[in-house]
């Protein structure tokens, strides 16, 4: 029994250290149903004084997903931890295309996506 517990803890530690994002350790969780579109995150420019980037500028930086299709959410703003103030951003939406769950790192932090 002790070996099973130690083994499970090793696997869990490995997932945490490897950067695995789950609903329990993500900065936020977004739940949706197939066909539904919701705001996922927002990207700021490359400097704290830059304007909001275009969607074309950030689409290549978005992680691959098998459960959502990304789309442009338009201009927005958020408080940036790196900048220490509210900055202009480009919102990113996700439209659910399949059930499942994924965790991703975005510029603004980690997001767990759950599609039911």
PDB file of N, CA and C in Angstrom:
ATOM      1  N   UNK A   1       0.831  -1.196   0.000  1.00  0.00           N
ATOM      2  CA  UNK A   1       0.000   0.000   0.000  1.00  0.00           C
ATOM      3  C   UNK A   1       0.874   1.258   0.000  1.00  0.00           C
ATOM      4  N   UNK A   2       1.933   1.223   0.820  1.00  0.00           N
ATOM      5  CA  UNK A   2       2.814   2.382   0.904  1.00  0.00           C
ATOM      6  C   UNK A   2       3.431   2.691  -0.461  1.00  0.00           C
ATOM      7  N   UNK A   3       3.839   1.647  -1.197  1.00  0.00           N
ATOM      8  CA  UNK A   3       4.431   1.852  -2.525  1.00  0.00           C
ATOM      9  C   UNK A   3       3.441   2.489  -3.492  1.00  0.00           C
ATOM     10  N   UNK A   4       2.165   2.104  -3.387  1.00  0.00           N
ATOM     11  CA  UNK A   4       1.134   2.689  -4.252  1.00  0.00           C
ATOM     12  C   UNK A   4       0.963   4.175  -3.953  1.00  0.00           C
ATOM     13  N   UNK A   5       0.983   4.554  -2.681  1.00  0.00           N
ATOM     14  CA  UNK A   5       0.837   5.958  -2.292  1.00  0.00           C
ATOM     15  C   UNK A   5       2.044   6.753  -2.768  1.00  0.00           C
ATOM     16  N   UNK A   6       3.246   6.218  -2.538  1.00  0.00           N
ATOM     17  CA  UNK A   6       4.462   6.895  -2.976  1.00  0.00           C
ATOM     18  C   UNK A   6       4.467   7.048  -4.494  1.00  0.00           C
ATOM     19  N   UNK A   7       4.048   6.003  -5.213  1.00  0.00           N
ATOM     20  CA  UNK A   7       3.984   6.071  -6.669  1.00  0.00           C
ATOM     21  C   UNK A   7       2.999   7.122  -7.150  1.00  0.00           C
ATOM     22  N   UNK A   8       1.829   7.170  -6.529  1.00  0.00           N
ATOM     23  CA  UNK A   8       0.818   8.155  -6.905  1.00  0.00           C
ATOM     24  C   UNK A   8       1.323   9.566  -6.641  1.00  0.00           C
ATOM     25  N   UNK A   9       1.998   9.758  -5.521  1.00  0.00           N
ATOM     26  CA  UNK A   9       2.546  11.076  -5.197  1.00  0.00           C
ATOM     27  C   UNK A   9       3.635  11.474  -6.190  1.00  0.00           C
ATOM     28  N   UNK A  10       4.424  10.535  -6.634  1.00  0.00           N
ATOM     29  CA  UNK A  10       5.470  10.814  -7.623  1.00  0.00           C
ATOM     30  C   UNK A  10       4.854  11.255  -8.944  1.00  0.00           C
ATOM     31  N   UNK A  11       3.815  10.548  -9.373  1.00  0.00           N
ATOM     32  CA  UNK A  11       3.128  10.924 -10.613  1.00  0.00           C
ATOM     33  C   UNK A  11       2.518  12.307 -10.476  1.00  0.00           C
ATOM     34  N   UNK A  12       1.820  12.564  -9.351  1.00  0.00           N
ATOM     35  CA  UNK A  12       1.200  13.870  -9.121  1.00  0.00           C
ATOM     36  C   UNK A  12       2.261  14.964  -9.115  1.00  0.00           C
ATOM     37  N   UNK A  13       3.372  14.749  -8.417  1.00  0.00           N
ATOM     38  CA  UNK A  13       4.444  15.737  -8.363  1.00  0.00           C
ATOM     39  C   UNK A  13       5.001  16.007  -9.747  1.00  0.00           C
ATOM     40  N   UNK A  14       5.158  14.945 -10.533  1.00  0.00           N
ATOM     41  CA  UNK A  14       5.658  15.109 -11.891  1.00  0.00           C
ATOM     42  C   UNK A  14       4.734  15.954 -12.750  1.00  0.00           C
ATOM     43  N   UNK A  15       3.433  15.743 -12.619  1.00  0.00           N
ATOM     44  CA  UNK A  15       2.471  16.538 -13.390  1.00  0.00           C
ATOM     45  C   UNK A  15       2.515  17.995 -12.978  1.00  0.00           C
ATOM     46  N   UNK A  16       2.598  18.254 -11.680  1.00  0.00           N
ATOM     47  CA  UNK A  16       2.650  19.638 -11.198  1.00  0.00           C
ATOM     48  C   UNK A  16       3.926  20.311 -11.674  1.00  0.00           C
ATOM     49  N   UNK A  17       5.047  19.624 -11.550  1.00  0.00           N
ATOM     50  CA  UNK A  17       6.323  20.206 -11.944  1.00  0.00           C
ATOM     51  C   UNK A  17       6.442  20.375 -13.453  1.00  0.00           C
ATOM     52  N   UNK A  18       5.759  19.534 -14.218  1.00  0.00           N
ATOM     53  CA  UNK A  18       5.844  19.628 -15.669  1.00  0.00           C
ATOM     54  C   UNK A  18       4.938  20.732 -16.218  1.00  0.00           C
ATOM     55  N   UNK A  19       4.167  21.380 -15.372  1.00  0.00           N
ATOM     56  CA  UNK A  19       3.326  22.478 -15.824  1.00  0.00           C
ATOM     57  C   UNK A  19       1.950  22.044 -16.283  1.00  0.00           C
ATOM     58  N   UNK A  20       1.514  20.863 -15.911  1.00  0.00           N
ATOM     59  CA  UNK A  20       0.193  20.370 -16.286  1.00  0.00           C
ATOM     60  C   UNK A  20      -0.875  21.253 -15.643  1.00  0.00           C
ATOM     61  N   UNK A  21      -1.739  21.819 -16.451  1.00  0.00           N
ATOM     62  CA  UNK A  21      -2.787  22.704 -15.952  1.00  0.00           C
ATOM     63  C   UNK A  21      -4.074  21.903 -15.835  1.00  0.00           C
ATOM     64  N   UNK A  22      -4.673  21.915 -14.652  1.00  0.00           N
ATOM     65  CA  UNK A  22      -5.935  21.224 -14.413  1.00  0.00           C
ATOM     66  C   UNK A  22      -6.930  22.211 -13.824  1.00  0.00           C
ATOM     67  N   UNK A  23      -8.179  21.782 -13.712  1.00  0.00           N
ATOM     68  CA  UNK A  23      -9.216  22.642 -13.126  1.00  0.00           C
ATOM     69  C   UNK A  23      -8.901  23.005 -11.686  1.00  0.00           C
ATOM     70  N   UNK A  24      -8.137  22.175 -10.997  1.00  0.00           N
ATOM     71  CA  UNK A  24      -7.850  22.466  -9.588  1.00  0.00           C
ATOM     72  C   UNK A  24      -6.665  23.402  -9.399  1.00  0.00           C
ATOM     73  N   UNK A  25      -5.780  23.526 -10.396  1.00  0.00           N
ATOM     74  CA  UNK A  25      -4.646  24.426 -10.204  1.00  0.00           C
ATOM     75  C   UNK A  25      -4.601  25.588 -11.197  1.00  0.00           C
ATOM     76  N   UNK A  26      -5.594  25.721 -12.040  1.00  0.00           N
ATOM     77  CA  UNK A  26      -5.630  26.811 -13.014  1.00  0.00           C
ATOM     78  C   UNK A  26      -6.033  28.121 -12.344  1.00  0.00           C
ATOM     79  N   UNK A  27      -5.613  29.229 -12.954  1.00  0.00           N
ATOM     80  CA  UNK A  27      -6.016  30.543 -12.456  1.00  0.00           C
ATOM     81  C   UNK A  27      -7.521  30.739 -12.585  1.00  0.00           C
ATOM     82  N   UNK A  28      -8.091  30.179 -13.647  1.00  0.00           N
ATOM     83  CA  UNK A  28      -9.550  30.231 -13.816  1.00  0.00           C
ATOM     84  C   UNK A  28     -10.004  29.030 -14.623  1.00  0.00           C
ATOM     85  N   UNK A  29     -11.275  28.689 -14.455  1.00  0.00           N
ATOM     86  CA  UNK A  29     -11.895  27.593 -15.198  1.00  0.00           C
ATOM     87  C   UNK A  29     -13.067  28.145 -15.985  1.00  0.00           C
ATOM     88  N   UNK A  30     -13.140  27.775 -17.255  1.00  0.00           N
ATOM     89  CA  UNK A  30     -14.248  28.185 -18.117  1.00  0.00           C
ATOM     90  C   UNK A  30     -14.996  26.915 -18.504  1.00  0.00           C
ATOM     91  N   UNK A  31     -16.275  26.852 -18.139  1.00  0.00           N
ATOM     92  CA  UNK A  31     -17.124  25.717 -18.504  1.00  0.00           C
ATOM     93  C   UNK A  31     -18.097  26.145 -19.587  1.00  0.00           C
ATOM     94  N   UNK A  32     -18.310  25.261 -20.574  1.00  0.00           N
ATOM     95  CA  UNK A  32     -19.252  25.566 -21.650  1.00  0.00           C
ATOM     96  C   UNK A  32     -19.784  24.282 -22.258  1.00  0.00           C
ATOM     97  N   UNK A  33     -20.760  24.436 -23.105  1.00  0.00           N
ATOM     98  CA  UNK A  33     -21.344  23.312 -23.824  1.00  0.00           C
ATOM     99  C   UNK A  33     -20.925  23.406 -25.297  1.00  0.00           C
ATOM    100  N   UNK A  34     -20.953  22.278 -26.000  1.00  0.00           N
ATOM    101  CA  UNK A  34     -20.610  22.270 -27.422  1.00  0.00           C
ATOM    102  C   UNK A  34     -21.471  23.298 -28.152  1.00  0.00           C
ATOM    103  N   UNK A  35     -20.831  24.111 -28.966  1.00  0.00           N
ATOM    104  CA  UNK A  35     -21.507  25.168 -29.719  1.00  0.00           C
ATOM    105  C   UNK A  35     -21.501  26.516 -29.026  1.00  0.00           C
ATOM    106  N   UNK A  36     -21.211  26.550 -27.741  1.00  0.00           N
ATOM    107  CA  UNK A  36     -21.204  27.787 -26.975  1.00  0.00           C
ATOM    108  C   UNK A  36     -19.853  28.495 -27.114  1.00  0.00           C
ATOM    109  N   UNK A  37     -19.891  29.831 -27.141  1.00  0.00           N
ATOM    110  CA  UNK A  37     -18.684  30.645 -27.221  1.00  0.00           C
ATOM    111  C   UNK A  37     -18.542  31.456 -25.950  1.00  0.00           C
ATOM    112  N   UNK A  38     -17.332  31.457 -25.385  1.00  0.00           N
ATOM    113  CA  UNK A  38     -17.051  32.237 -24.175  1.00  0.00           C
ATOM    114  C   UNK A  38     -15.669  32.874 -24.258  1.00  0.00           C
ATOM    115  N   UNK A  39     -15.509  33.958 -23.497  1.00  0.00           N
ATOM    116  CA  UNK A  39     -14.214  34.624 -23.366  1.00  0.00           C
ATOM    117  C   UNK A  39     -13.255  33.700 -22.616  1.00  0.00           C
ATOM    118  N   UNK A  40     -12.043  33.535 -23.138  1.00  0.00           N
ATOM    119  CA  UNK A  40     -11.050  32.683 -22.487  1.00  0.00           C
ATOM    120  C   UNK A  40      -9.919  33.481 -21.849  1.00  0.00           C
ATOM    121  N   UNK A  41      -9.382  34.453 -22.579  1.00  0.00           N
ATOM    122  CA  UNK A  41      -8.206  35.173 -22.108  1.00  0.00           C
ATOM    123  C   UNK A  41      -8.056  36.468 -22.893  1.00  0.00           C
ATOM    124  N   UNK A  42      -6.986  37.202 -22.610  1.00  0.00           N
ATOM    125  CA  UNK A  42      -6.693  38.433 -23.343  1.00  0.00           C
ATOM    126  C   UNK A  42      -5.184  38.628 -23.380  1.00  0.00           C
ATOM    127  N   UNK A  43      -4.683  39.074 -24.514  1.00  0.00           N
ATOM    128  CA  UNK A  43      -3.244  39.297 -24.712  1.00  0.00           C
ATOM    129  C   UNK A  43      -2.962  40.787 -24.823  1.00  0.00           C
ATOM    130  N   UNK A  44      -1.897  41.228 -24.152  1.00  0.00           N
ATOM    131  CA  UNK A  44      -1.448  42.615 -24.258  1.00  0.00           C
ATOM    132  C   UNK A  44      -0.323  42.689 -25.281  1.00  0.00           C
ATOM    133  N   UNK A  45       0.088  43.906 -25.604  1.00  0.00           N
ATOM    134  CA  UNK A  45       1.220  44.103 -26.509  1.00  0.00           C
ATOM    135  C   UNK A  45       2.512  43.645 -25.854  1.00  0.00           C
ATOM    136  N   UNK A  46       3.605  43.724 -26.597  1.00  0.00           N
ATOM    137  CA  UNK A  46       4.887  43.229 -26.105  1.00  0.00           C
ATOM    138  C   UNK A  46       5.528  44.115 -25.045  1.00  0.00           C
ATOM    139  N   UNK A  47       5.046  45.325 -24.869  1.00  0.00           N
ATOM    140  CA  UNK A  47       5.540  46.174 -23.794  1.00  0.00           C
ATOM    141  C   UNK A  47       4.342  46.741 -23.043  1.00  0.00           C
ATOM    142  N   UNK A  48       4.597  47.224 -21.847  1.00  0.00           N
ATOM    143  CA  UNK A  48       3.496  47.727 -21.017  1.00  0.00           C
ATOM    144  C   UNK A  48       2.876  49.000 -21.581  1.00  0.00           C
ATOM    145  N   UNK A  49       3.595  49.693 -22.447  1.00  0.00           N
ATOM    146  CA  UNK A  49       3.058  50.932 -23.021  1.00  0.00           C
ATOM    147  C   UNK A  49       2.488  50.721 -24.425  1.00  0.00           C
ATOM    148  N   UNK A  50       2.559  49.495 -24.940  1.00  0.00           N
ATOM    149  CA  UNK A  50       2.052  49.202 -26.286  1.00  0.00           C
ATOM    150  C   UNK A  50       0.531  49.144 -26.300  1.00  0.00           C
ATOM    151  N   UNK A  51      -0.021  49.408 -27.461  1.00  0.00           N
ATOM    152  CA  UNK A  51      -1.460  49.253 -27.646  1.00  0.00           C
ATOM    153  C   UNK A  51      -1.820  47.778 -27.742  1.00  0.00           C
ATOM    154  N   UNK A  52      -3.094  47.506 -27.843  1.00  0.00           N
ATOM    155  CA  UNK A  52      -3.557  46.122 -27.966  1.00  0.00           C
ATOM    156  C   UNK A  52      -3.068  45.528 -29.285  1.00  0.00           C
ATOM    157  N   UNK A  53      -2.622  44.288 -29.261  1.00  0.00           N
ATOM    158  CA  UNK A  53      -2.198  43.651 -30.518  1.00  0.00           C
ATOM    159  C   UNK A  53      -3.398  43.289 -31.385  1.00  0.00           C
ATOM    160  N   UNK A  54      -3.149  43.042 -32.658  1.00  0.00           N
ATOM    161  CA  UNK A  54      -4.214  42.548 -33.526  1.00  0.00           C
ATOM    162  C   UNK A  54      -4.363  41.047 -33.272  1.00  0.00           C
ATOM    163  N   UNK A  55      -5.496  40.506 -33.693  1.00  0.00           N
ATOM    164  CA  UNK A  55      -5.698  39.063 -33.540  1.00  0.00           C
ATOM    165  C   UNK A  55      -4.658  38.301 -34.368  1.00  0.00           C
ATOM    166  N   UNK A  56      -4.326  38.814 -35.546  1.00  0.00           N
ATOM    167  CA  UNK A  56      -3.321  38.165 -36.395  1.00  0.00           C
ATOM    168  C   UNK A  56      -1.964  38.093 -35.687  1.00  0.00           C
ATOM    169  N   UNK A  57      -1.659  39.081 -34.849  1.00  0.00           N
ATOM    170  CA  UNK A  57      -0.391  39.096 -34.118  1.00  0.00           C
ATOM    171  C   UNK A  57      -0.316  38.016 -33.046  1.00  0.00           C
ATOM    172  N   UNK A  58      -1.452  37.589 -32.508  1.00  0.00           N
ATOM    173  CA  UNK A  58      -1.412  36.635 -31.386  1.00  0.00           C
ATOM    174  C   UNK A  58      -1.887  35.229 -31.734  1.00  0.00           C
ATOM    175  N   UNK A  59      -2.573  35.048 -32.836  1.00  0.00           N
ATOM    176  CA  UNK A  59      -3.163  33.742 -33.144  1.00  0.00           C
ATOM    177  C   UNK A  59      -2.109  32.640 -33.174  1.00  0.00           C
ATOM    178  N   UNK A  60      -0.905  32.924 -33.629  1.00  0.00           N
ATOM    179  CA  UNK A  60       0.157  31.930 -33.671  1.00  0.00           C
ATOM    180  C   UNK A  60       0.715  31.577 -32.299  1.00  0.00           C
ATOM    181  N   UNK A  61       0.414  32.386 -31.287  1.00  0.00           N
ATOM    182  CA  UNK A  61       0.886  32.139 -29.927  1.00  0.00           C
ATOM    183  C   UNK A  61      -0.122  31.351 -29.094  1.00  0.00           C
ATOM    184  N   UNK A  62      -1.311  31.117 -29.638  1.00  0.00           N
ATOM    185  CA  UNK A  62      -2.336  30.392 -28.889  1.00  0.00           C
ATOM    186  C   UNK A  62      -2.031  28.897 -28.910  1.00  0.00           C
ATOM    187  N   UNK A  63      -2.189  28.218 -27.760  1.00  0.00           N
ATOM    188  CA  UNK A  63      -1.918  26.773 -27.733  1.00  0.00           C
ATOM    189  C   UNK A  63      -2.940  25.993 -28.561  1.00  0.00           C
ATOM    190  N   UNK A  64      -2.514  24.878 -29.094  1.00  0.00           N
ATOM    191  CA  UNK A  64      -3.417  24.008 -29.852  1.00  0.00           C
ATOM    192  C   UNK A  64      -4.500  23.464 -28.928  1.00  0.00           C
ATOM    193  N   UNK A  65      -5.701  23.296 -29.469  1.00  0.00           N
ATOM    194  CA  UNK A  65      -6.813  22.748 -28.698  1.00  0.00           C
ATOM    195  C   UNK A  65      -7.630  21.810 -29.568  1.00  0.00           C
ATOM    196  N   UNK A  66      -8.094  20.729 -28.953  1.00  0.00           N
ATOM    197  CA  UNK A  66      -8.965  19.807 -29.685  1.00  0.00           C
ATOM    198  C   UNK A  66     -10.426  19.958 -29.262  1.00  0.00           C
ATOM    199  N   UNK A  67     -10.693  20.863 -28.306  1.00  0.00           N
ATOM    200  CA  UNK A  67     -12.074  21.021 -27.836  1.00  0.00           C
ATOM    201  C   UNK A  67     -12.653  22.411 -28.078  1.00  0.00           C
ATOM    202  N   UNK A  68     -11.824  23.391 -28.443  1.00  0.00           N
ATOM    203  CA  UNK A  68     -12.333  24.726 -28.773  1.00  0.00           C
ATOM    204  C   UNK A  68     -11.653  25.256 -30.021  1.00  0.00           C
ATOM    205  N   UNK A  69     -12.383  26.082 -30.766  1.00  0.00           N
ATOM    206  CA  UNK A  69     -11.820  26.892 -31.843  1.00  0.00           C
ATOM    207  C   UNK A  69     -11.705  28.308 -31.306  1.00  0.00           C
ATOM    208  N   UNK A  70     -10.536  28.923 -31.465  1.00  0.00           N
ATOM    209  CA  UNK A  70     -10.320  30.290 -31.004  1.00  0.00           C
ATOM    210  C   UNK A  70     -10.887  31.289 -31.998  1.00  0.00           C
ATOM    211  N   UNK A  71     -11.252  32.471 -31.486  1.00  0.00           N
ATOM    212  CA  UNK A  71     -11.695  33.562 -32.346  1.00  0.00           C
ATOM    213  C   UNK A  71     -11.383  34.893 -31.675  1.00  0.00           C
ATOM    214  N   UNK A  72     -11.410  35.945 -32.477  1.00  0.00           N
ATOM    215  CA  UNK A  72     -11.121  37.293 -32.007  1.00  0.00           C
ATOM    216  C   UNK A  72     -12.267  37.795 -31.133  1.00  0.00           C
ATOM    217  N   UNK A  73     -11.950  38.189 -29.923  1.00  0.00           N
ATOM    218  CA  UNK A  73     -12.959  38.731 -29.011  1.00  0.00           C
ATOM    219  C   UNK A  73     -13.007  40.247 -29.006  1.00  0.00           C
ATOM    220  N   UNK A  74     -12.179  40.879 -29.841  1.00  0.00           N
ATOM    221  CA  UNK A  74     -12.180  42.329 -29.931  1.00  0.00           C
ATOM    222  C   UNK A  74     -11.257  42.985 -28.911  1.00  0.00           C
ATOM    223  N   UNK A  75     -11.332  44.303 -28.864  1.00  0.00           N
ATOM    224  CA  UNK A  75     -10.507  45.073 -27.936  1.00  0.00           C
ATOM    225  C   UNK A  75     -11.048  44.952 -26.522  1.00  0.00           C
ATOM    226  N   UNK A  76     -10.146  44.889 -25.557  1.00  0.00           N
ATOM    227  CA  UNK A  76     -10.529  44.814 -24.152  1.00  0.00           C
ATOM    228  C   UNK A  76      -9.381  45.366 -23.323  1.00  0.00           C
ATOM    229  N   UNK A  77      -9.433  45.151 -22.028  1.00  0.00           N
ATOM    230  CA  UNK A  77      -8.327  45.539 -21.154  1.00  0.00           C
ATOM    231  C   UNK A  77      -8.315  44.606 -19.958  1.00  0.00           C
ATOM    232  N   UNK A  78      -7.156  44.522 -19.309  1.00  0.00           N
ATOM    233  CA  UNK A  78      -7.028  43.723 -18.094  1.00  0.00           C
ATOM    234  C   UNK A  78      -5.897  44.296 -17.268  1.00  0.00           C
ATOM    235  N   UNK A  79      -5.881  43.949 -15.998  1.00  0.00           N
ATOM    236  CA  UNK A  79      -4.769  44.332 -15.141  1.00  0.00           C
ATOM    237  C   UNK A  79      -3.662  43.311 -15.370  1.00  0.00           C
ATOM    238  N   UNK A  80      -2.523  43.783 -15.798  1.00  0.00           N
ATOM    239  CA  UNK A  80      -1.379  42.922 -16.069  1.00  0.00           C
ATOM    240  C   UNK A  80      -0.519  42.791 -14.824  1.00  0.00           C
ATOM    241  N   UNK A  81      -0.220  41.543 -14.443  1.00  0.00           N
ATOM    242  CA  UNK A  81       0.682  41.333 -13.295  1.00  0.00           C
ATOM    243  C   UNK A  81       2.075  41.869 -13.611  1.00  0.00           C
ATOM    244  N   UNK A  82       2.531  41.656 -14.846  1.00  0.00           N
ATOM    245  CA  UNK A  82       3.867  42.111 -15.228  1.00  0.00           C
ATOM    246  C   UNK A  82       3.978  43.626 -15.253  1.00  0.00           C
ATOM    247  N   UNK A  83       2.928  44.293 -15.716  1.00  0.00           N
ATOM    248  CA  UNK A  83       2.960  45.754 -15.831  1.00  0.00           C
ATOM    249  C   UNK A  83       2.495  46.457 -14.556  1.00  0.00           C
ATOM    250  N   UNK A  84       1.716  45.773 -13.736  1.00  0.00           N
ATOM    251  CA  UNK A  84       1.218  46.375 -12.504  1.00  0.00           C
ATOM    252  C   UNK A  84       0.144  47.422 -12.722  1.00  0.00           C
ATOM    253  N   UNK A  85      -0.525  47.353 -13.855  1.00  0.00           N
ATOM    254  CA  UNK A  85      -1.589  48.314 -14.165  1.00  0.00           C
ATOM    255  C   UNK A  85      -2.501  47.741 -15.238  1.00  0.00           C
ATOM    256  N   UNK A  86      -3.619  48.434 -15.477  1.00  0.00           N
ATOM    257  CA  UNK A  86      -4.552  48.032 -16.533  1.00  0.00           C
ATOM    258  C   UNK A  86      -3.937  48.402 -17.880  1.00  0.00           C
ATOM    259  N   UNK A  87      -3.978  47.455 -18.809  1.00  0.00           N
ATOM    260  CA  UNK A  87      -3.398  47.651 -20.136  1.00  0.00           C
ATOM    261  C   UNK A  87      -4.415  47.262 -21.211  1.00  0.00           C
ATOM    262  N   UNK A  88      -4.293  47.851 -22.397  1.00  0.00           N
ATOM    263  CA  UNK A  88      -5.181  47.458 -23.497  1.00  0.00           C
ATOM    264  C   UNK A  88      -4.808  46.061 -23.988  1.00  0.00           C
ATOM    265  N   UNK A  89      -5.816  45.283 -24.346  1.00  0.00           N
ATOM    266  CA  UNK A  89      -5.582  43.899 -24.762  1.00  0.00           C
ATOM    267  C   UNK A  89      -6.481  43.516 -25.933  1.00  0.00           C
ATOM    268  N   UNK A  90      -6.182  42.352 -26.481  1.00  0.00           N
ATOM    269  CA  UNK A  90      -7.012  41.706 -27.493  1.00  0.00           C
ATOM    270  C   UNK A  90      -7.648  40.504 -26.817  1.00  0.00           C
ATOM    271  N   UNK A  91      -8.972  40.485 -26.738  1.00  0.00           N
ATOM    272  CA  UNK A  91      -9.688  39.364 -26.122  1.00  0.00           C
ATOM    273  C   UNK A  91      -9.661  38.163 -27.059  1.00  0.00           C
ATOM    274  N   UNK A  92      -9.629  36.975 -26.462  1.00  0.00           N
ATOM    275  CA  UNK A  92      -9.662  35.726 -27.216  1.00  0.00           C
ATOM    276  C   UNK A  92     -10.848  34.908 -26.712  1.00  0.00           C
ATOM    277  N   UNK A  93     -11.723  34.544 -27.636  1.00  0.00           N
ATOM    278  CA  UNK A  93     -12.872  33.703 -27.313  1.00  0.00           C
ATOM    279  C   UNK A  93     -12.601  32.276 -27.746  1.00  0.00           C
ATOM    280  N   UNK A  94     -13.351  31.357 -27.170  1.00  0.00           N
ATOM    281  CA  UNK A  94     -13.292  29.965 -27.587  1.00  0.00           C
ATOM    282  C   UNK A  94     -14.699  29.462 -27.837  1.00  0.00           C
ATOM    283  N   UNK A  95     -14.889  28.758 -28.945  1.00  0.00           N
ATOM    284  CA  UNK A  95     -16.161  28.106 -29.245  1.00  0.00           C
ATOM    285  C   UNK A  95     -15.953  26.609 -29.077  1.00  0.00           C
ATOM    286  N   UNK A  96     -16.753  26.003 -28.203  1.00  0.00           N
ATOM    287  CA  UNK A  96     -16.610  24.581 -27.903  1.00  0.00           C
ATOM    288  C   UNK A  96     -17.016  23.734 -29.102  1.00  0.00           C
ATOM    289  N   UNK A  97     -16.119  22.800 -29.479  1.00  0.00           N
ATOM    290  CA  UNK A  97     -16.385  21.940 -30.636  1.00  0.00           C
ATOM    291  C   UNK A  97     -16.448  20.463 -30.268  1.00  0.00           C
ATOM    292  N   UNK A  98     -16.019  20.111 -29.050  1.00  0.00           N
ATOM    293  CA  UNK A  98     -16.043  18.706 -28.613  1.00  0.00           C
ATOM    294  C   UNK A  98     -16.021  18.663 -27.096  1.00  0.00           C
ATOM    295  N   UNK A  99     -16.616  17.633 -26.519  1.00  0.00           N
ATOM    296  CA  UNK A  99     -16.586  17.497 -25.067  1.00  0.00           C
ATOM    297  C   UNK A  99     -15.184  17.091 -24.614  1.00  0.00           C
ATOM    298  N   UNK A 100     -14.869  17.465 -23.387  1.00  0.00           N
ATOM    299  CA  UNK A 100     -13.575  17.134 -22.814  1.00  0.00           C
ATOM    300  C   UNK A 100     -13.067  18.266 -21.945  1.00  0.00           C
ATOM    301  N   UNK A 101     -11.841  18.141 -21.503  1.00  0.00           N
ATOM    302  CA  UNK A 101     -11.234  19.200 -20.705  1.00  0.00           C
ATOM    303  C   UNK A 101      -9.766  19.333 -21.080  1.00  0.00           C
ATOM    304  N   UNK A 102      -9.291  20.554 -21.039  1.00  0.00           N
ATOM    305  CA  UNK A 102      -7.902  20.875 -21.341  1.00  0.00           C
ATOM    306  C   UNK A 102      -7.462  22.012 -20.435  1.00  0.00           C
ATOM    307  N   UNK A 103      -6.193  22.084 -20.184  1.00  0.00           N
ATOM    308  CA  UNK A 103      -5.621  23.205 -19.465  1.00  0.00           C
ATOM    309  C   UNK A 103      -4.530  23.822 -20.309  1.00  0.00           C
ATOM    310  N   UNK A 104      -4.512  25.154 -20.363  1.00  0.00           N
ATOM    311  CA  UNK A 104      -3.530  25.847 -21.204  1.00  0.00           C
ATOM    312  C   UNK A 104      -2.931  27.037 -20.468  1.00  0.00           C
ATOM    313  N   UNK A 105      -1.699  27.361 -20.852  1.00  0.00           N
ATOM    314  CA  UNK A 105      -1.041  28.582 -20.384  1.00  0.00           C
ATOM    315  C   UNK A 105      -1.196  29.632 -21.471  1.00  0.00           C
ATOM    316  N   UNK A 106      -1.737  30.768 -21.066  1.00  0.00           N
ATOM    317  CA  UNK A 106      -1.861  31.914 -21.949  1.00  0.00           C
ATOM    318  C   UNK A 106      -1.031  33.042 -21.347  1.00  0.00           C
ATOM    319  N   UNK A 107      -0.919  34.148 -22.044  1.00  0.00           N
ATOM    320  CA  UNK A 107      -0.135  35.262 -21.522  1.00  0.00           C
ATOM    321  C   UNK A 107      -0.659  35.740 -20.175  1.00  0.00           C
ATOM    322  N   UNK A 108      -1.963  35.726 -19.997  1.00  0.00           N
ATOM    323  CA  UNK A 108      -2.558  36.245 -18.755  1.00  0.00           C
ATOM    324  C   UNK A 108      -2.561  35.227 -17.616  1.00  0.00           C
ATOM    325  N   UNK A 109      -2.210  33.979 -17.874  1.00  0.00           N
ATOM    326  CA  UNK A 109      -2.212  32.951 -16.832  1.00  0.00           C
ATOM    327  C   UNK A 109      -2.748  31.639 -17.362  1.00  0.00           C
ATOM    328  N   UNK A 110      -3.098  30.764 -16.447  1.00  0.00           N
ATOM    329  CA  UNK A 110      -3.566  29.433 -16.827  1.00  0.00           C
ATOM    330  C   UNK A 110      -5.091  29.369 -16.821  1.00  0.00           C
ATOM    331  N   UNK A 111      -5.626  28.632 -17.780  1.00  0.00           N
ATOM    332  CA  UNK A 111      -7.073  28.482 -17.915  1.00  0.00           C
ATOM    333  C   UNK A 111      -7.393  27.005 -18.141  1.00  0.00           C
ATOM    334  N   UNK A 112      -8.295  26.486 -17.343  1.00  0.00           N
ATOM    335  CA  UNK A 112      -8.841  25.149 -17.563  1.00  0.00           C
ATOM    336  C   UNK A 112     -10.139  25.315 -18.337  1.00  0.00           C
ATOM    337  N   UNK A 113     -10.269  24.578 -19.431  1.00  0.00           N
ATOM    338  CA  UNK A 113     -11.468  24.636 -20.265  1.00  0.00           C
ATOM    339  C   UNK A 113     -12.186  23.307 -20.127  1.00  0.00           C
ATOM    340  N   UNK A 114     -13.457  23.355 -19.742  1.00  0.00           N
ATOM    341  CA  UNK A 114     -14.263  22.150 -19.572  1.00  0.00           C
ATOM    342  C   UNK A 114     -15.478  22.265 -20.486  1.00  0.00           C
ATOM    343  N   UNK A 115     -15.588  21.326 -21.434  1.00  0.00           N
ATOM    344  CA  UNK A 115     -16.728  21.323 -22.354  1.00  0.00           C
ATOM    345  C   UNK A 115     -17.566  20.102 -22.036  1.00  0.00           C
ATOM    346  N   UNK A 116     -18.851  20.356 -21.726  1.00  0.00           N
ATOM    347  CA  UNK A 116     -19.777  19.276 -21.355  1.00  0.00           C
ATOM    348  C   UNK A 116     -20.702  18.953 -22.509  1.00  0.00           C
TER     349      UNK A 116
END
